[in-house]
Protein backbone atom coordinates (compact mmCIF):
# COMPACT_ATOMS: atom_id res chain seq x y z
CA MET A 1 0.00 0.00 0.00
CA ALA A 2 2.85 2.40 0.80
CA ARG A 3 4.37 1.70 -2.58
CA GLN A 4 1.12 2.59 -4.36
CA ARG A 5 0.89 5.87 -2.44
CA SER A 6 4.43 6.87 -3.38
CA ILE A 7 3.78 6.06 -7.06
CA LEU A 8 0.50 8.01 -6.93
CA SER A 9 2.31 10.94 -5.24
CA PHE A 10 5.01 10.85 -7.92
CA ILE A 11 2.40 10.87 -10.71
CA LEU A 12 0.58 13.79 -9.06
CA VAL A 13 3.85 15.75 -8.77
CA LEU A 14 4.59 15.15 -12.46
CA LEU A 15 1.06 16.18 -13.41
CA ALA A 16 1.24 19.35 -11.30
CA THR A 17 4.65 20.26 -12.74
CA PHE A 18 3.38 19.76 -16.28
CA LEU A 19 0.27 21.86 -15.68
CA ILE A 20 2.21 24.66 -14.03
CA SER A 21 4.78 24.78 -16.82
CA CYS A 22 2.10 24.85 -19.53
CA GLY A 23 -0.19 27.30 -17.79
CA GLY A 24 0.29 30.77 -16.52
CA PRO A 25 -0.67 34.13 -17.87
CA ASN A 26 0.67 35.04 -21.26
CA VAL A 27 1.44 38.70 -20.86
CA ALA A 28 2.51 40.14 -24.17
CA THR A 29 5.09 42.83 -23.62
CA PRO A 30 4.86 45.65 -26.12
CA PRO A 31 7.97 46.35 -28.16
CA PRO A 32 10.12 49.13 -26.74
CA THR A 33 9.29 52.58 -28.04
CA TYR A 34 10.71 56.04 -27.61
CA THR A 35 9.33 58.26 -24.89
CA GLN A 36 8.55 61.88 -25.65
CA ASP A 37 11.53 62.94 -23.48
CA GLN A 38 13.88 60.74 -25.49
CA LEU A 39 12.58 62.15 -28.76
CA VAL A 40 13.10 65.70 -27.51
CA LYS A 41 16.67 64.93 -26.40
CA ILE A 42 17.46 63.26 -29.70
CA GLN A 43 15.99 66.14 -31.70
CA GLU A 44 18.13 68.65 -29.75
CA TYR A 45 21.32 67.13 -31.13
CA VAL A 46 20.23 66.03 -34.61
CA SER A 47 20.44 69.53 -36.06
CA ASP A 48 24.12 69.79 -35.03
CA ILE A 49 24.93 66.51 -36.77
CA GLN A 50 22.98 67.41 -39.90
CA GLY A 51 24.66 70.81 -39.99
CA VAL A 52 28.08 69.17 -40.08
CA LYS A 53 26.90 66.67 -42.68
CA GLU A 54 25.78 69.54 -44.92
CA ARG A 55 29.29 71.01 -44.69
CA SER A 56 30.96 67.89 -46.14
CA GLN A 57 31.78 69.69 -49.40
CA GLU A 58 33.52 72.42 -47.44
CA LEU A 59 35.84 69.91 -45.76
CA GLU A 60 36.57 68.17 -49.05
CA ARG A 61 37.40 71.53 -50.66
CA LEU A 62 39.77 72.38 -47.78
CA ILE A 63 41.55 69.05 -48.24
CA GLN A 64 41.81 69.43 -52.02
CA THR A 65 43.29 72.92 -51.65
CA LYS A 66 45.64 71.56 -48.95
CA GLN A 67 44.61 74.02 -46.27
CA TRP A 68 45.75 71.65 -43.55
CA VAL A 69 45.33 74.01 -40.61
CA LYS A 70 41.71 74.68 -41.55
CA VAL A 71 41.15 70.94 -42.06
CA GLY A 72 42.48 70.35 -38.55
CA ASN A 73 40.24 73.08 -37.19
CA PHE A 74 37.24 71.53 -38.94
CA ILE A 75 37.82 68.00 -37.66
CA HIS A 76 38.59 69.21 -34.14
CA GLY A 77 35.73 71.71 -34.12
CA PRO A 78 32.46 70.91 -35.90
CA MET A 79 33.27 67.23 -36.55
CA ALA A 80 34.25 66.62 -32.92
CA GLU A 81 31.06 68.36 -31.77
CA ALA A 82 29.01 66.15 -34.09
CA ARG A 83 30.71 63.10 -32.60
CA LEU A 84 29.90 64.35 -29.11
CA SER A 85 26.27 64.88 -30.12
CA MET A 86 26.19 61.35 -31.50
CA ASN A 87 27.42 60.09 -28.11
CA TYR A 88 24.62 61.95 -26.34
CA ILE A 89 22.02 60.57 -28.73
CA THR A 90 23.26 56.98 -28.42
CA SER A 91 22.24 56.76 -24.78
CA ASN A 92 18.68 57.72 -25.79
CA LEU A 93 18.34 55.15 -28.57
CA LEU A 94 16.38 51.95 -28.12
CA PRO A 95 18.43 49.24 -26.38
CA LYS A 96 18.66 47.22 -29.60
CA ASP A 97 20.10 50.22 -31.50
CA GLN A 98 22.60 51.39 -28.88
CA PRO A 99 25.42 48.95 -29.77
CA ALA A 100 25.25 49.96 -33.43
CA GLY A 101 25.24 53.63 -32.41
CA ARG A 102 28.29 53.19 -30.20
CA GLU A 103 30.09 51.33 -32.97
CA LEU A 104 29.41 54.13 -35.46
CA VAL A 105 30.65 56.75 -33.00
CA ARG A 106 33.87 54.74 -32.51
CA ASP A 107 34.25 54.36 -36.27
CA LEU A 108 33.80 58.11 -36.75
CA LEU A 109 36.50 58.82 -34.16
CA ASP A 110 38.81 56.41 -35.96
CA LYS A 111 38.18 58.20 -39.26
CA LEU A 112 38.79 61.61 -37.67
CA ILE A 113 42.11 60.38 -36.28
CA LYS A 114 43.09 59.07 -39.71
CA ILE A 115 42.13 62.40 -41.33
CA GLY A 116 44.32 64.17 -38.78
CA GLN A 117 47.23 61.82 -39.46
CA ALA A 118 46.83 62.28 -43.21
CA THR A 119 46.86 66.07 -42.87
CA GLU A 120 50.06 65.94 -40.81
CA ILE A 121 51.91 64.30 -43.69
CA GLY A 122 50.01 66.10 -46.46
CA ASN A 123 48.29 62.95 -47.77
CA THR A 124 45.40 64.38 -49.77
CA ASN A 125 44.03 61.01 -50.94
CA GLY A 126 44.09 59.49 -47.46
CA ALA A 127 42.35 62.53 -45.99
CA LEU A 128 39.69 62.54 -48.72
CA ASN A 129 39.02 58.81 -48.43
CA ASN A 130 38.62 59.01 -44.67
CA THR A 131 36.44 62.11 -45.01
CA VAL A 132 34.05 60.25 -47.29
CA ALA A 133 34.05 57.29 -44.86
CA ALA A 134 33.41 59.62 -41.89
CA PHE A 135 30.38 61.19 -43.56
CA THR A 136 29.14 57.71 -44.47
CA ASP A 137 29.29 56.83 -40.76
CA ILE A 138 27.29 59.96 -39.97
CA ASP A 139 24.67 58.96 -42.57
CA LYS A 140 24.42 55.48 -41.10
CA PHE A 141 24.01 56.95 -37.62
CA LEU A 142 21.24 59.27 -38.78
CA GLN A 143 19.41 56.25 -40.21
CA LEU A 144 19.33 54.70 -36.71
CA LEU A 145 17.36 57.64 -35.35
CA PRO A 146 13.58 57.54 -34.99
CA GLU A 147 11.41 59.42 -37.45
CA THR A 148 10.19 62.57 -35.73
CA SER A 149 8.32 65.54 -37.01
CA SER A 150 10.03 68.88 -36.84
CA PRO A 151 8.72 71.54 -34.45
CA SER A 152 7.44 73.62 -37.40
CA GLU A 153 5.34 70.69 -38.62
CA GLU A 154 3.85 70.27 -35.13
CA SER A 155 2.84 73.93 -34.90
CA GLU A 156 1.12 73.79 -38.32
CA ALA A 157 -1.02 70.78 -37.33
């Protein structure tokens, strides 16, 4: 009789374990989205990055005319500020996008260093190639950002 009770107890434990593992509430978690605060913080810095991106022709012209001091000023001034803005934005991206954002910021820094090294030795081709690659990194970073309407569009609505 004791043996039958222990077998019955074992079967009941297995049944309870099976039912508990199969049951339970299925709470669907919504995908992560941007909060309004995050969108505002991101939008604050986007204009700085886009402003530098729009000046890409200016940097290329400085390199082609071998104005190395002005090239250095450009990469240490506006380009460095754009990189800093990208760092600020990265912390406000969705968790799945943050590693890619950090990687692009590191890549941009690497390109800026290479532009600086090329200007020190007067390597026009190296500076131009890294400039194109740096602005490609900026474009890729801007593609990570959420679509937001500009403040002027919001006031018209």
